Amino acid sequence: MSRTAFQIREVAMPGTAFQISLDDILEVLRNHRDRLSSDARQSCSQGEIAFSEHLMAHVIDADRAERAALHADDLDKQTEYAQQEILAMLVEKGVVLASA
């Protein structure tokens, strides 16, 4: 998982930092493709990256995801926690349908 191409911003806490990226959003969308709302599925089919950029700008609370990530010590766990929080936000906004 790349953390270089689309880095957005950084939240600093004493001695640590984490930043979400478009790659994180893309991974969440891809991992939950079967649960995307019909509007989200259509937007993804027209361009995953553009849709992810839209979500980053208008739907995702980066600070919230970054705070969730900082509950872990290593990068892999931080990424997992951030992506879990991104998924929660996408479910709250109806982009991803809640699991049954």
PDB file of N, CA and C in Angstrom:
ATOM      1  N   MET A   1       0.849  -1.172   0.000  1.00  0.00           N
ATOM      2  CA  MET A   1       0.000   0.000   0.000  1.00  0.00           C
ATOM      3  C   MET A   1       0.896   1.237   0.000  1.00  0.00           C
ATOM      4  N   SER A   2       0.760   2.061  -0.964  1.00  0.00           N
ATOM      5  CA  SER A   2       1.584   3.257  -1.116  1.00  0.00           C
ATOM      6  C   SER A   2       1.081   4.392  -0.248  1.00  0.00           C
ATOM      7  N   ARG A   3       1.981   5.120   0.370  1.00  0.00           N
ATOM      8  CA  ARG A   3       1.613   6.263   1.193  1.00  0.00           C
ATOM      9  C   ARG A   3       2.291   7.514   0.642  1.00  0.00           C
ATOM     10  N   THR A   4       2.636   7.516  -0.653  1.00  0.00           N
ATOM     11  CA  THR A   4       3.419   8.631  -1.170  1.00  0.00           C
ATOM     12  C   THR A   4       2.672   9.538  -2.132  1.00  0.00           C
ATOM     13  N   ALA A   5       1.918   8.987  -3.032  1.00  0.00           N
ATOM     14  CA  ALA A   5       1.392   9.759  -4.155  1.00  0.00           C
ATOM     15  C   ALA A   5       0.391  10.838  -3.773  1.00  0.00           C
ATOM     16  N   PHE A   6      -0.495  10.556  -2.844  1.00  0.00           N
ATOM     17  CA  PHE A   6      -1.599  11.476  -2.597  1.00  0.00           C
ATOM     18  C   PHE A   6      -1.693  11.921  -1.141  1.00  0.00           C
ATOM     19  N   GLN A   7      -0.579  12.182  -0.512  1.00  0.00           N
ATOM     20  CA  GLN A   7      -0.637  12.584   0.884  1.00  0.00           C
ATOM     21  C   GLN A   7      -1.284  13.955   1.006  1.00  0.00           C
ATOM     22  N   ILE A   8      -2.179  14.097   1.954  1.00  0.00           N
ATOM     23  CA  ILE A   8      -2.996  15.294   2.061  1.00  0.00           C
ATOM     24  C   ILE A   8      -2.498  16.233   3.148  1.00  0.00           C
ATOM     25  N   ARG A   9      -2.567  15.813   4.386  1.00  0.00           N
ATOM     26  CA  ARG A   9      -2.128  16.684   5.466  1.00  0.00           C
ATOM     27  C   ARG A   9      -1.724  15.852   6.663  1.00  0.00           C
ATOM     28  N   GLU A  10      -1.131  16.482   7.624  1.00  0.00           N
ATOM     29  CA  GLU A  10      -0.563  15.787   8.757  1.00  0.00           C
ATOM     30  C   GLU A  10      -1.151  16.321  10.049  1.00  0.00           C
ATOM     31  N   VAL A  11      -1.430  15.420  10.970  1.00  0.00           N
ATOM     32  CA  VAL A  11      -1.858  15.810  12.307  1.00  0.00           C
ATOM     33  C   VAL A  11      -0.724  15.420  13.235  1.00  0.00           C
ATOM     34  N   ALA A  12      -0.204  16.366  13.967  1.00  0.00           N
ATOM     35  CA  ALA A  12       0.910  16.075  14.866  1.00  0.00           C
ATOM     36  C   ALA A  12       0.417  15.983  16.302  1.00  0.00           C
ATOM     37  N   MET A  13       0.856  14.945  16.972  1.00  0.00           N
ATOM     38  CA  MET A  13       0.625  14.789  18.395  1.00  0.00           C
ATOM     39  C   MET A  13       2.008  14.587  18.993  1.00  0.00           C
ATOM     40  N   PRO A  14       2.159  14.697  20.281  1.00  0.00           N
ATOM     41  CA  PRO A  14       3.482  14.580  20.873  1.00  0.00           C
ATOM     42  C   PRO A  14       4.240  13.362  20.365  1.00  0.00           C
ATOM     43  N   GLY A  15       5.258  13.601  19.563  1.00  0.00           N
ATOM     44  CA  GLY A  15       6.139  12.547  19.100  1.00  0.00           C
ATOM     45  C   GLY A  15       5.597  11.649  18.009  1.00  0.00           C
ATOM     46  N   THR A  16       4.452  11.961  17.416  1.00  0.00           N
ATOM     47  CA  THR A  16       3.896  11.071  16.403  1.00  0.00           C
ATOM     48  C   THR A  16       3.095  11.860  15.378  1.00  0.00           C
ATOM     49  N   ALA A  17       2.893  11.280  14.204  1.00  0.00           N
ATOM     50  CA  ALA A  17       2.093  11.915  13.159  1.00  0.00           C
ATOM     51  C   ALA A  17       1.544  10.825  12.249  1.00  0.00           C
ATOM     52  N   PHE A  18       0.425  11.103  11.643  1.00  0.00           N
ATOM     53  CA  PHE A  18      -0.178  10.201  10.667  1.00  0.00           C
ATOM     54  C   PHE A  18      -0.974  11.048   9.707  1.00  0.00           C
ATOM     55  N   GLN A  19      -1.023  10.660   8.459  1.00  0.00           N
ATOM     56  CA  GLN A  19      -1.819  11.379   7.475  1.00  0.00           C
ATOM     57  C   GLN A  19      -2.545  10.385   6.578  1.00  0.00           C
ATOM     58  N   ILE A  20      -3.827  10.659   6.329  1.00  0.00           N
ATOM     59  CA  ILE A  20      -4.550   9.793   5.405  1.00  0.00           C
ATOM     60  C   ILE A  20      -4.264  10.259   3.983  1.00  0.00           C
ATOM     61  N   SER A  21      -4.544   9.374   3.045  1.00  0.00           N
ATOM     62  CA  SER A  21      -4.290   9.690   1.641  1.00  0.00           C
ATOM     63  C   SER A  21      -5.455   9.199   0.787  1.00  0.00           C
ATOM     64  N   LEU A  22      -5.452   9.610  -0.460  1.00  0.00           N
ATOM     65  CA  LEU A  22      -6.456   9.091  -1.391  1.00  0.00           C
ATOM     66  C   LEU A  22      -6.329   7.586  -1.542  1.00  0.00           C
ATOM     67  N   ASP A  23      -5.114   7.080  -1.382  1.00  0.00           N
ATOM     68  CA  ASP A  23      -4.917   5.627  -1.440  1.00  0.00           C
ATOM     69  C   ASP A  23      -5.751   4.923  -0.376  1.00  0.00           C
ATOM     70  N   ASP A  24      -5.855   5.521   0.813  1.00  0.00           N
ATOM     71  CA  ASP A  24      -6.671   4.922   1.877  1.00  0.00           C
ATOM     72  C   ASP A  24      -8.138   4.859   1.465  1.00  0.00           C
ATOM     73  N   ILE A  25      -8.628   5.940   0.883  1.00  0.00           N
ATOM     74  CA  ILE A  25     -10.028   5.981   0.442  1.00  0.00           C
ATOM     75  C   ILE A  25     -10.256   4.985  -0.693  1.00  0.00           C
ATOM     76  N   LEU A  26      -9.343   4.946  -1.645  1.00  0.00           N
ATOM     77  CA  LEU A  26      -9.456   3.993  -2.750  1.00  0.00           C
ATOM     78  C   LEU A  26      -9.497   2.560  -2.236  1.00  0.00           C
ATOM     79  N   GLU A  27      -8.652   2.245  -1.281  1.00  0.00           N
ATOM     80  CA  GLU A  27      -8.630   0.884  -0.745  1.00  0.00           C
ATOM     81  C   GLU A  27      -9.955   0.544  -0.071  1.00  0.00           C
ATOM     82  N   VAL A  28     -10.514   1.472   0.693  1.00  0.00           N
ATOM     83  CA  VAL A  28     -11.809   1.230   1.340  1.00  0.00           C
ATOM     84  C   VAL A  28     -12.880   1.013   0.272  1.00  0.00           C
ATOM     85  N   LEU A  29     -12.904   1.861  -0.739  1.00  0.00           N
ATOM     86  CA  LEU A  29     -13.902   1.703  -1.810  1.00  0.00           C
ATOM     87  C   LEU A  29     -13.753   0.351  -2.502  1.00  0.00           C
ATOM     88  N   ARG A  30     -12.536  -0.028  -2.802  1.00  0.00           N
ATOM     89  CA  ARG A  30     -12.299  -1.296  -3.497  1.00  0.00           C
ATOM     90  C   ARG A  30     -12.657  -2.490  -2.628  1.00  0.00           C
ATOM     91  N   ASN A  31     -12.345  -2.400  -1.340  1.00  0.00           N
ATOM     92  CA  ASN A  31     -12.632  -3.516  -0.433  1.00  0.00           C
ATOM     93  C   ASN A  31     -14.122  -3.678  -0.157  1.00  0.00           C
ATOM     94  N   HIS A  32     -14.893  -2.633  -0.411  1.00  0.00           N
ATOM     95  CA  HIS A  32     -16.326  -2.674  -0.117  1.00  0.00           C
ATOM     96  C   HIS A  32     -17.159  -2.349  -1.361  1.00  0.00           C
ATOM     97  N   ARG A  33     -16.612  -2.642  -2.509  1.00  0.00           N
ATOM     98  CA  ARG A  33     -17.264  -2.367  -3.795  1.00  0.00           C
ATOM     99  C   ARG A  33     -18.663  -2.959  -3.860  1.00  0.00           C
ATOM    100  N   ASP A  34     -18.845  -4.140  -3.279  1.00  0.00           N
ATOM    101  CA  ASP A  34     -20.147  -4.809  -3.337  1.00  0.00           C
ATOM    102  C   ASP A  34     -21.196  -4.134  -2.449  1.00  0.00           C
ATOM    103  N   ARG A  35     -20.764  -3.214  -1.580  1.00  0.00           N
ATOM    104  CA  ARG A  35     -21.695  -2.520  -0.688  1.00  0.00           C
ATOM    105  C   ARG A  35     -21.870  -1.045  -1.053  1.00  0.00           C
ATOM    106  N   LEU A  36     -21.309  -0.606  -2.172  1.00  0.00           N
ATOM    107  CA  LEU A  36     -21.453   0.792  -2.567  1.00  0.00           C
ATOM    108  C   LEU A  36     -22.904   1.079  -2.947  1.00  0.00           C
ATOM    109  N   SER A  37     -23.367   2.275  -2.597  1.00  0.00           N
ATOM    110  CA  SER A  37     -24.699   2.695  -3.037  1.00  0.00           C
ATOM    111  C   SER A  37     -24.687   2.790  -4.559  1.00  0.00           C
ATOM    112  N   SER A  38     -25.851   2.799  -5.173  1.00  0.00           N
ATOM    113  CA  SER A  38     -25.898   2.868  -6.642  1.00  0.00           C
ATOM    114  C   SER A  38     -25.259   4.161  -7.153  1.00  0.00           C
ATOM    115  N   ASP A  39     -25.476   5.283  -6.451  1.00  0.00           N
ATOM    116  CA  ASP A  39     -24.838   6.545  -6.861  1.00  0.00           C
ATOM    117  C   ASP A  39     -23.326   6.456  -6.752  1.00  0.00           C
ATOM    118  N   ALA A  40     -22.831   5.873  -5.658  1.00  0.00           N
ATOM    119  CA  ALA A  40     -21.388   5.739  -5.471  1.00  0.00           C
ATOM    120  C   ALA A  40     -20.798   4.803  -6.512  1.00  0.00           C
ATOM    121  N   ARG A  41     -21.507   3.726  -6.814  1.00  0.00           N
ATOM    122  CA  ARG A  41     -21.028   2.777  -7.826  1.00  0.00           C
ATOM    123  C   ARG A  41     -20.908   3.465  -9.185  1.00  0.00           C
ATOM    124  N   GLN A  42     -21.904   4.286  -9.512  1.00  0.00           N
ATOM    125  CA  GLN A  42     -21.876   5.009 -10.780  1.00  0.00           C
ATOM    126  C   GLN A  42     -20.716   6.016 -10.790  1.00  0.00           C
ATOM    127  N   SER A  43     -20.522   6.743  -9.696  1.00  0.00           N
ATOM    128  CA  SER A  43     -19.428   7.705  -9.615  1.00  0.00           C
ATOM    129  C   SER A  43     -18.079   7.015  -9.751  1.00  0.00           C
ATOM    130  N   CYS A  44     -17.933   5.842  -9.114  1.00  0.00           N
ATOM    131  CA  CYS A  44     -16.683   5.087  -9.220  1.00  0.00           C
ATOM    132  C   CYS A  44     -16.439   4.636 -10.651  1.00  0.00           C
ATOM    133  N   SER A  45     -17.491   4.225 -11.325  1.00  0.00           N
ATOM    134  CA  SER A  45     -17.320   3.744 -12.702  1.00  0.00           C
ATOM    135  C   SER A  45     -16.886   4.871 -13.639  1.00  0.00           C
ATOM    136  N   GLN A  46     -17.190   6.102 -13.254  1.00  0.00           N
ATOM    137  CA  GLN A  46     -16.781   7.251 -14.066  1.00  0.00           C
ATOM    138  C   GLN A  46     -15.379   7.732 -13.717  1.00  0.00           C
ATOM    139  N   GLY A  47     -14.820   7.222 -12.634  1.00  0.00           N
ATOM    140  CA  GLY A  47     -13.462   7.571 -12.263  1.00  0.00           C
ATOM    141  C   GLY A  47     -13.221   7.448 -10.771  1.00  0.00           C
ATOM    142  N   GLU A  48     -12.521   6.376 -10.391  1.00  0.00           N
ATOM    143  CA  GLU A  48     -12.265   6.109  -8.975  1.00  0.00           C
ATOM    144  C   GLU A  48     -11.491   7.229  -8.295  1.00  0.00           C
ATOM    145  N   ILE A  49     -10.459   7.711  -8.956  1.00  0.00           N
ATOM    146  CA  ILE A  49      -9.612   8.726  -8.333  1.00  0.00           C
ATOM    147  C   ILE A  49     -10.376  10.031  -8.160  1.00  0.00           C
ATOM    148  N   ALA A  50     -11.101  10.442  -9.177  1.00  0.00           N
ATOM    149  CA  ALA A  50     -11.890  11.675  -9.071  1.00  0.00           C
ATOM    150  C   ALA A  50     -12.945  11.542  -7.971  1.00  0.00           C
ATOM    151  N   PHE A  51     -13.574  10.383  -7.863  1.00  0.00           N
ATOM    152  CA  PHE A  51     -14.569  10.163  -6.822  1.00  0.00           C
ATOM    153  C   PHE A  51     -13.911  10.195  -5.443  1.00  0.00           C
ATOM    154  N   SER A  52     -12.738   9.588  -5.330  1.00  0.00           N
ATOM    155  CA  SER A  52     -12.003   9.614  -4.058  1.00  0.00           C
ATOM    156  C   SER A  52     -11.609  11.035  -3.677  1.00  0.00           C
ATOM    157  N   GLU A  53     -11.204  11.821  -4.654  1.00  0.00           N
ATOM    158  CA  GLU A  53     -10.877  13.225  -4.390  1.00  0.00           C
ATOM    159  C   GLU A  53     -12.107  13.982  -3.888  1.00  0.00           C
ATOM    160  N   HIS A  54     -13.241  13.714  -4.501  1.00  0.00           N
ATOM    161  CA  HIS A  54     -14.498  14.334  -4.056  1.00  0.00           C
ATOM    162  C   HIS A  54     -14.806  13.941  -2.606  1.00  0.00           C
ATOM    163  N   LEU A  55     -14.663  12.650  -2.302  1.00  0.00           N
ATOM    164  CA  LEU A  55     -14.921  12.189  -0.940  1.00  0.00           C
ATOM    165  C   LEU A  55     -13.972  12.843   0.048  1.00  0.00           C
ATOM    166  N   MET A  56     -12.695  12.956  -0.321  1.00  0.00           N
ATOM    167  CA  MET A  56     -11.707  13.576   0.563  1.00  0.00           C
ATOM    168  C   MET A  56     -12.079  15.029   0.844  1.00  0.00           C
ATOM    169  N   ALA A  57     -12.539  15.727  -0.178  1.00  0.00           N
ATOM    170  CA  ALA A  57     -12.837  17.154  -0.039  1.00  0.00           C
ATOM    171  C   ALA A  57     -14.175  17.424   0.638  1.00  0.00           C
ATOM    172  N   HIS A  58     -15.149  16.533   0.452  1.00  0.00           N
ATOM    173  CA  HIS A  58     -16.514  16.862   0.872  1.00  0.00           C
ATOM    174  C   HIS A  58     -17.163  15.902   1.866  1.00  0.00           C
ATOM    175  N   VAL A  59     -16.589  14.737   2.072  1.00  0.00           N
ATOM    176  CA  VAL A  59     -17.253  13.745   2.919  1.00  0.00           C
ATOM    177  C   VAL A  59     -16.369  13.300   4.093  1.00  0.00           C
ATOM    178  N   ILE A  60     -15.128  13.012   3.805  1.00  0.00           N
ATOM    179  CA  ILE A  60     -14.226  12.460   4.814  1.00  0.00           C
ATOM    180  C   ILE A  60     -13.723  13.557   5.746  1.00  0.00           C
ATOM    181  N   ASP A  61     -13.797  13.295   7.034  1.00  0.00           N
ATOM    182  CA  ASP A  61     -13.208  14.156   8.059  1.00  0.00           C
ATOM    183  C   ASP A  61     -11.819  13.588   8.334  1.00  0.00           C
ATOM    184  N   ALA A  62     -10.815  14.165   7.674  1.00  0.00           N
ATOM    185  CA  ALA A  62      -9.451  13.643   7.780  1.00  0.00           C
ATOM    186  C   ALA A  62      -8.958  13.655   9.223  1.00  0.00           C
ATOM    187  N   ASP A  63      -9.295  14.682   9.960  1.00  0.00           N
ATOM    188  CA  ASP A  63      -8.855  14.757  11.357  1.00  0.00           C
ATOM    189  C   ASP A  63      -9.398  13.574  12.164  1.00  0.00           C
ATOM    190  N   ARG A  64     -10.642  13.234  11.935  1.00  0.00           N
ATOM    191  CA  ARG A  64     -11.268  12.108  12.644  1.00  0.00           C
ATOM    192  C   ARG A  64     -10.545  10.797  12.312  1.00  0.00           C
ATOM    193  N   ALA A  65     -10.272  10.567  11.036  1.00  0.00           N
ATOM    194  CA  ALA A  65      -9.577   9.344  10.626  1.00  0.00           C
ATOM    195  C   ALA A  65      -8.158   9.314  11.188  1.00  0.00           C
ATOM    196  N   GLU A  66      -7.496  10.455  11.166  1.00  0.00           N
ATOM    197  CA  GLU A  66      -6.125  10.529  11.660  1.00  0.00           C
ATOM    198  C   GLU A  66      -6.079  10.322  13.173  1.00  0.00           C
ATOM    199  N   ARG A  67      -7.047  10.858  13.893  1.00  0.00           N
ATOM    200  CA  ARG A  67      -7.104  10.627  15.347  1.00  0.00           C
ATOM    201  C   ARG A  67      -7.302   9.137  15.641  1.00  0.00           C
ATOM    202  N   ALA A  68      -8.148   8.481  14.864  1.00  0.00           N
ATOM    203  CA  ALA A  68      -8.368   7.041  15.049  1.00  0.00           C
ATOM    204  C   ALA A  68      -7.071   6.274  14.812  1.00  0.00           C
ATOM    205  N   ALA A  69      -6.335   6.674  13.795  1.00  0.00           N
ATOM    206  CA  ALA A  69      -5.084   5.995  13.462  1.00  0.00           C
ATOM    207  C   ALA A  69      -4.064   6.093  14.582  1.00  0.00           C
ATOM    208  N   LEU A  70      -4.082   7.192  15.274  1.00  0.00           N
ATOM    209  CA  LEU A  70      -3.062   7.428  16.297  1.00  0.00           C
ATOM    210  C   LEU A  70      -3.276   6.611  17.570  1.00  0.00           C
ATOM    211  N   HIS A  71      -4.287   5.745  17.577  1.00  0.00           N
ATOM    212  CA  HIS A  71      -4.465   4.818  18.692  1.00  0.00           C
ATOM    213  C   HIS A  71      -3.557   3.605  18.537  1.00  0.00           C
ATOM    214  N   ALA A  72      -2.869   3.512  17.418  1.00  0.00           N
ATOM    215  CA  ALA A  72      -1.950   2.399  17.163  1.00  0.00           C
ATOM    216  C   ALA A  72      -0.520   2.920  17.122  1.00  0.00           C
ATOM    217  N   ASP A  73       0.415   2.007  17.308  1.00  0.00           N
ATOM    218  CA  ASP A  73       1.825   2.384  17.343  1.00  0.00           C
ATOM    219  C   ASP A  73       2.555   2.175  16.024  1.00  0.00           C
ATOM    220  N   ASP A  74       2.162   1.166  15.249  1.00  0.00           N
ATOM    221  CA  ASP A  74       2.892   0.916  14.001  1.00  0.00           C
ATOM    222  C   ASP A  74       2.052   1.343  12.799  1.00  0.00           C
ATOM    223  N   LEU A  75       2.723   1.594  11.696  1.00  0.00           N
ATOM    224  CA  LEU A  75       2.083   2.151  10.501  1.00  0.00           C
ATOM    225  C   LEU A  75       0.976   1.255   9.948  1.00  0.00           C
ATOM    226  N   ASP A  76       1.186  -0.057   9.949  1.00  0.00           N
ATOM    227  CA  ASP A  76       0.159  -0.957   9.411  1.00  0.00           C
ATOM    228  C   ASP A  76      -1.130  -0.862  10.221  1.00  0.00           C
ATOM    229  N   LYS A  77      -1.017  -0.858  11.534  1.00  0.00           N
ATOM    230  CA  LYS A  77      -2.199  -0.741  12.390  1.00  0.00           C
ATOM    231  C   LYS A  77      -2.820   0.648  12.262  1.00  0.00           C
ATOM    232  N   GLN A  78      -2.001   1.687  12.153  1.00  0.00           N
ATOM    233  CA  GLN A  78      -2.525   3.034  11.973  1.00  0.00           C
ATOM    234  C   GLN A  78      -3.353   3.110  10.700  1.00  0.00           C
ATOM    235  N   THR A  79      -2.827   2.519   9.633  1.00  0.00           N
ATOM    236  CA  THR A  79      -3.539   2.502   8.360  1.00  0.00           C
ATOM    237  C   THR A  79      -4.855   1.748   8.503  1.00  0.00           C
ATOM    238  N   GLU A  80      -4.826   0.614   9.172  1.00  0.00           N
ATOM    239  CA  GLU A  80      -6.045  -0.179   9.390  1.00  0.00           C
ATOM    240  C   GLU A  80      -7.095   0.628  10.164  1.00  0.00           C
ATOM    241  N   TYR A  81      -6.674   1.279  11.241  1.00  0.00           N
ATOM    242  CA  TYR A  81      -7.611   2.071  12.049  1.00  0.00           C
ATOM    243  C   TYR A  81      -8.176   3.252  11.263  1.00  0.00           C
ATOM    244  N   ALA A  82      -7.321   3.923  10.497  1.00  0.00           N
ATOM    245  CA  ALA A  82      -7.788   5.053   9.679  1.00  0.00           C
ATOM    246  C   ALA A  82      -8.803   4.572   8.647  1.00  0.00           C
ATOM    247  N   GLN A  83      -8.520   3.445   8.012  1.00  0.00           N
ATOM    248  CA  GLN A  83      -9.445   2.924   7.001  1.00  0.00           C
ATOM    249  C   GLN A  83     -10.753   2.464   7.623  1.00  0.00           C
ATOM    250  N   GLN A  84     -10.705   1.929   8.829  1.00  0.00           N
ATOM    251  CA  GLN A  84     -11.945   1.565   9.522  1.00  0.00           C
ATOM    252  C   GLN A  84     -12.785   2.814   9.793  1.00  0.00           C
ATOM    253  N   GLU A  85     -12.132   3.893  10.163  1.00  0.00           N
ATOM    254  CA  GLU A  85     -12.854   5.144  10.435  1.00  0.00           C
ATOM    255  C   GLU A  85     -13.391   5.751   9.141  1.00  0.00           C
ATOM    256  N   ILE A  86     -12.624   5.661   8.060  1.00  0.00           N
ATOM    257  CA  ILE A  86     -13.099   6.128   6.751  1.00  0.00           C
ATOM    258  C   ILE A  86     -14.343   5.339   6.351  1.00  0.00           C
ATOM    259  N   LEU A  87     -14.303   4.024   6.531  1.00  0.00           N
ATOM    260  CA  LEU A  87     -15.463   3.191   6.219  1.00  0.00           C
ATOM    261  C   LEU A  87     -16.664   3.624   7.052  1.00  0.00           C
ATOM    262  N   ALA A  88     -16.461   3.867   8.334  1.00  0.00           N
ATOM    263  CA  ALA A  88     -17.565   4.297   9.195  1.00  0.00           C
ATOM    264  C   ALA A  88     -18.186   5.595   8.673  1.00  0.00           C
ATOM    265  N   MET A  89     -17.353   6.533   8.252  1.00  0.00           N
ATOM    266  CA  MET A  89     -17.869   7.807   7.724  1.00  0.00           C
ATOM    267  C   MET A  89     -18.638   7.584   6.423  1.00  0.00           C
ATOM    268  N   LEU A  90     -18.132   6.709   5.559  1.00  0.00           N
ATOM    269  CA  LEU A  90     -18.803   6.448   4.285  1.00  0.00           C
ATOM    270  C   LEU A  90     -20.147   5.754   4.512  1.00  0.00           C
ATOM    271  N   VAL A  91     -20.225   4.909   5.538  1.00  0.00           N
ATOM    272  CA  VAL A  91     -21.506   4.286   5.876  1.00  0.00           C
ATOM    273  C   VAL A  91     -22.461   5.340   6.427  1.00  0.00           C
ATOM    274  N   GLU A  92     -21.966   6.207   7.308  1.00  0.00           N
ATOM    275  CA  GLU A  92     -22.803   7.267   7.880  1.00  0.00           C
ATOM    276  C   GLU A  92     -23.389   8.158   6.801  1.00  0.00           C
ATOM    277  N   LYS A  93     -22.635   8.412   5.737  1.00  0.00           N
ATOM    278  CA  LYS A  93     -23.071   9.308   4.667  1.00  0.00           C
ATOM    279  C   LYS A  93     -23.813   8.577   3.549  1.00  0.00           C
ATOM    280  N   GLY A  94     -23.961   7.249   3.670  1.00  0.00           N
ATOM    281  CA  GLY A  94     -24.715   6.487   2.677  1.00  0.00           C
ATOM    282  C   GLY A  94     -23.952   6.163   1.405  1.00  0.00           C
ATOM    283  N   VAL A  95     -22.649   6.402   1.408  1.00  0.00           N
ATOM    284  CA  VAL A  95     -21.827   6.047   0.243  1.00  0.00           C
ATOM    285  C   VAL A  95     -21.643   4.546   0.183  1.00  0.00           C
ATOM    286  N   VAL A  96     -21.396   3.952   1.352  1.00  0.00           N
ATOM    287  CA  VAL A  96     -21.296   2.495   1.493  1.00  0.00           C
ATOM    288  C   VAL A  96     -22.489   2.063   2.333  1.00  0.00           C
ATOM    289  N   LEU A  97     -23.156   1.016   1.888  1.00  0.00           N
ATOM    290  CA  LEU A  97     -24.327   0.526   2.616  1.00  0.00           C
ATOM    291  C   LEU A  97     -23.870  -0.287   3.823  1.00  0.00           C
ATOM    292  N   ALA A  98     -24.593  -0.163   4.920  1.00  0.00           N
ATOM    293  CA  ALA A  98     -24.264  -0.910   6.130  1.00  0.00           C
ATOM    294  C   ALA A  98     -24.382  -2.405   5.848  1.00  0.00           C
ATOM    295  N   SER A  99     -23.529  -3.178   6.471  1.00  0.00           N
ATOM    296  CA  SER A  99     -23.598  -4.633   6.269  1.00  0.00           C
ATOM    297  C   SER A  99     -24.795  -5.182   7.020  1.00  0.00           C
ATOM    298  N   ALA A 100     -25.313  -6.263   6.498  1.00  0.00           N
ATOM    299  CA  ALA A 100     -26.521  -6.863   7.075  1.00  0.00           C
ATOM    300  C   ALA A 100     -26.250  -7.560   8.370  1.00  0.00           C
TER     301      ALA A 100
END
